[in-house]
Amino acid sequence: MARILAIDYGTKRTGLAVTDPLQIIPTGLATVPTHELEAYLKAYMETEEVEAIVIGEPLYPDGNPAQIHHFVVGLARKLGKLFPGVRIAMQDERFTSEEAKAAIRQSGAKKKKRQDKGLVDKISAVIILRDYMDSNLGQ
């Protein structure tokens, strides 16, 4: 089996998460500046086998597309062309940032760590990946 990679896209920073090769455990991978995302993914895909990329779909609570939705759709198209053998999927990411902040608070992290926006992005990517796995892999 190959890994599944998740993306929590942001205009400044992008959080990444990945499963183990058996697709059992989602883990935070990195937070990268968004302008470096493509280069980071190319380098990662050269060393790891990835079967699917799941991109968090930014939606408002009412289900309508959020302001950055068109950027995410563009990213999905671009990644589909860059990695033609890799399945590209979208996963609803509503409330993942709030869930990530709550998880960080509950972990007992110090104040400075709780304010780390990059950590929130990475944990949000883990939540996106977990939700995708729950709804698509029957776990």
Protein backbone atom coordinates (compact mmCIF):
# COMPACT_ATOMS: atom_id res chain seq x y z
CA MET A 1 0.00 0.00 0.00
CA ALA A 2 0.97 3.61 -0.38
CA ARG A 3 0.46 6.64 1.81
CA ILE A 4 -2.36 9.16 1.70
CA LEU A 5 -1.29 12.78 2.03
CA ALA A 6 -3.58 15.56 3.26
CA ILE A 7 -3.31 19.29 2.65
CA ASP A 8 -4.76 22.11 4.76
CA TYR A 9 -4.25 24.93 2.26
CA GLY A 10 -3.75 28.50 3.36
CA THR A 11 -2.69 31.57 1.44
CA LYS A 12 0.44 31.96 3.62
CA ARG A 13 1.05 28.52 5.16
CA THR A 14 -0.06 25.03 4.27
CA GLY A 15 -0.32 22.18 6.74
CA LEU A 16 0.47 18.64 5.63
CA ALA A 17 -0.34 15.26 7.12
CA VAL A 18 0.29 11.73 5.93
CA THR A 19 -0.69 8.18 6.76
CA ASP A 20 1.69 5.35 7.40
CA PRO A 21 2.12 3.01 4.39
CA LEU A 22 -0.65 0.71 5.72
CA GLN A 23 -3.04 3.71 5.89
CA ILE A 24 -3.83 3.18 9.56
CA ILE A 25 -2.39 6.19 11.39
CA PRO A 26 -2.58 9.83 10.22
CA THR A 27 0.34 11.94 11.40
CA GLY A 28 1.34 15.57 10.98
CA LEU A 29 4.06 15.90 8.37
CA ALA A 30 4.99 19.59 8.06
CA THR A 31 3.85 23.15 7.67
CA VAL A 32 5.35 24.82 4.64
CA PRO A 33 5.07 28.32 3.19
CA THR A 34 2.41 28.00 0.50
CA HIS A 35 4.70 29.39 -2.20
CA GLU A 36 7.04 26.41 -1.51
CA LEU A 37 4.28 23.77 -1.48
CA GLU A 38 4.77 22.48 -5.02
CA ALA A 39 8.53 22.01 -4.58
CA TYR A 40 8.01 20.33 -1.20
CA LEU A 41 5.46 17.89 -2.63
CA LYS A 42 7.66 17.03 -5.62
CA ALA A 43 10.58 16.23 -3.30
CA TYR A 44 8.37 14.21 -0.96
CA MET A 45 6.80 12.21 -3.79
CA GLU A 46 10.27 11.29 -5.07
CA THR A 47 11.02 9.46 -1.82
CA GLU A 48 7.59 8.20 -0.71
CA GLU A 49 4.85 6.32 -2.51
CA VAL A 50 1.60 8.27 -2.29
CA GLU A 51 -1.66 6.86 -3.66
CA ALA A 52 -3.93 9.82 -2.91
CA ILE A 53 -3.79 13.49 -2.00
CA VAL A 54 -6.69 14.82 0.04
CA ILE A 55 -7.18 18.57 0.00
CA GLY A 56 -9.29 20.30 2.63
CA GLU A 57 -12.22 21.95 0.91
CA PRO A 58 -12.87 25.36 2.50
CA LEU A 59 -16.59 25.80 3.05
CA TYR A 60 -18.62 28.19 5.15
CA PRO A 61 -20.79 26.63 7.89
CA ASP A 62 -23.79 26.80 5.55
CA GLY A 63 -21.93 24.69 2.95
CA ASN A 64 -21.18 27.46 0.48
CA PRO A 65 -17.60 27.77 -0.83
CA ALA A 66 -15.32 30.00 1.26
CA GLN A 67 -13.35 32.88 -0.27
CA ILE A 68 -10.23 30.78 -0.95
CA HIS A 69 -12.19 27.89 -2.49
CA HIS A 70 -11.10 28.80 -6.03
CA PHE A 71 -7.42 28.61 -4.96
CA VAL A 72 -7.99 25.10 -3.62
CA VAL A 73 -9.77 23.99 -6.80
CA GLY A 74 -6.84 25.37 -8.80
CA LEU A 75 -4.40 23.52 -6.56
CA ALA A 76 -6.32 20.27 -7.06
CA ARG A 77 -6.15 20.69 -10.85
CA LYS A 78 -2.45 21.51 -10.74
CA LEU A 79 -1.63 18.52 -8.52
CA GLY A 80 -3.66 16.26 -10.82
CA LYS A 81 -1.41 17.31 -13.70
CA LEU A 82 1.82 17.14 -11.67
CA PHE A 83 1.07 13.69 -10.25
CA PRO A 84 -1.11 11.94 -12.85
CA GLY A 85 -1.02 8.54 -11.12
CA VAL A 86 -2.19 9.94 -7.79
CA ARG A 87 -5.89 10.23 -6.87
CA ILE A 88 -6.87 13.79 -5.86
CA ALA A 89 -9.81 14.14 -3.47
CA MET A 90 -11.50 16.97 -1.62
CA GLN A 91 -12.61 16.69 2.01
CA ASP A 92 -14.85 19.13 3.86
CA GLU A 93 -12.62 21.05 6.27
CA ARG A 94 -15.26 23.04 8.14
CA PHE A 95 -14.33 23.53 11.79
CA THR A 96 -10.96 21.73 11.53
CA SER A 97 -9.03 24.79 12.75
CA GLU A 98 -11.24 25.06 15.84
CA GLU A 99 -10.89 21.31 16.46
CA ALA A 100 -7.11 21.56 16.05
CA LYS A 101 -6.89 24.46 18.53
CA ALA A 102 -8.96 22.50 21.04
CA ALA A 103 -6.73 19.44 20.64
CA ILE A 104 -3.61 21.53 21.20
CA ARG A 105 -5.17 23.11 24.33
CA GLN A 106 -6.19 19.70 25.66
CA SER A 107 -2.69 18.36 25.11
CA GLY A 108 -1.46 20.71 27.84
CA ALA A 109 0.81 22.63 25.47
CA LYS A 110 2.35 25.82 26.80
CA LYS A 111 0.93 29.18 25.66
CA LYS A 112 3.64 29.79 23.06
CA LYS A 113 3.00 26.40 21.46
CA ARG A 114 -0.79 27.00 21.48
CA GLN A 115 -0.24 30.23 19.53
CA ASP A 116 1.86 28.50 16.83
CA LYS A 117 -0.30 28.92 13.70
CA GLY A 118 1.87 26.44 11.81
CA LEU A 119 1.06 23.78 14.39
CA VAL A 120 -2.65 24.52 14.02
CA ASP A 121 -2.31 24.10 10.23
CA LYS A 122 -0.50 20.78 10.60
CA ILE A 123 -3.03 19.43 13.13
CA SER A 124 -5.86 20.63 10.87
CA ALA A 125 -4.33 18.56 8.05
CA VAL A 126 -4.30 15.53 10.38
CA ILE A 127 -8.01 16.09 11.13
CA ILE A 128 -8.81 16.41 7.41
CA LEU A 129 -6.95 13.15 6.80
CA ARG A 130 -8.66 11.39 9.72
CA ASP A 131 -12.09 12.51 8.49
CA TYR A 132 -11.26 11.33 4.96
CA MET A 133 -10.10 7.97 6.27
CA ASP A 134 -13.23 7.60 8.41
CA SER A 135 -15.56 8.31 5.52
CA ASN A 136 -13.67 6.54 2.72
CA LEU A 137 -11.69 3.69 4.24
CA GLY A 138 -14.31 2.45 6.66
CA GLN A 139 -12.15 2.99 9.75
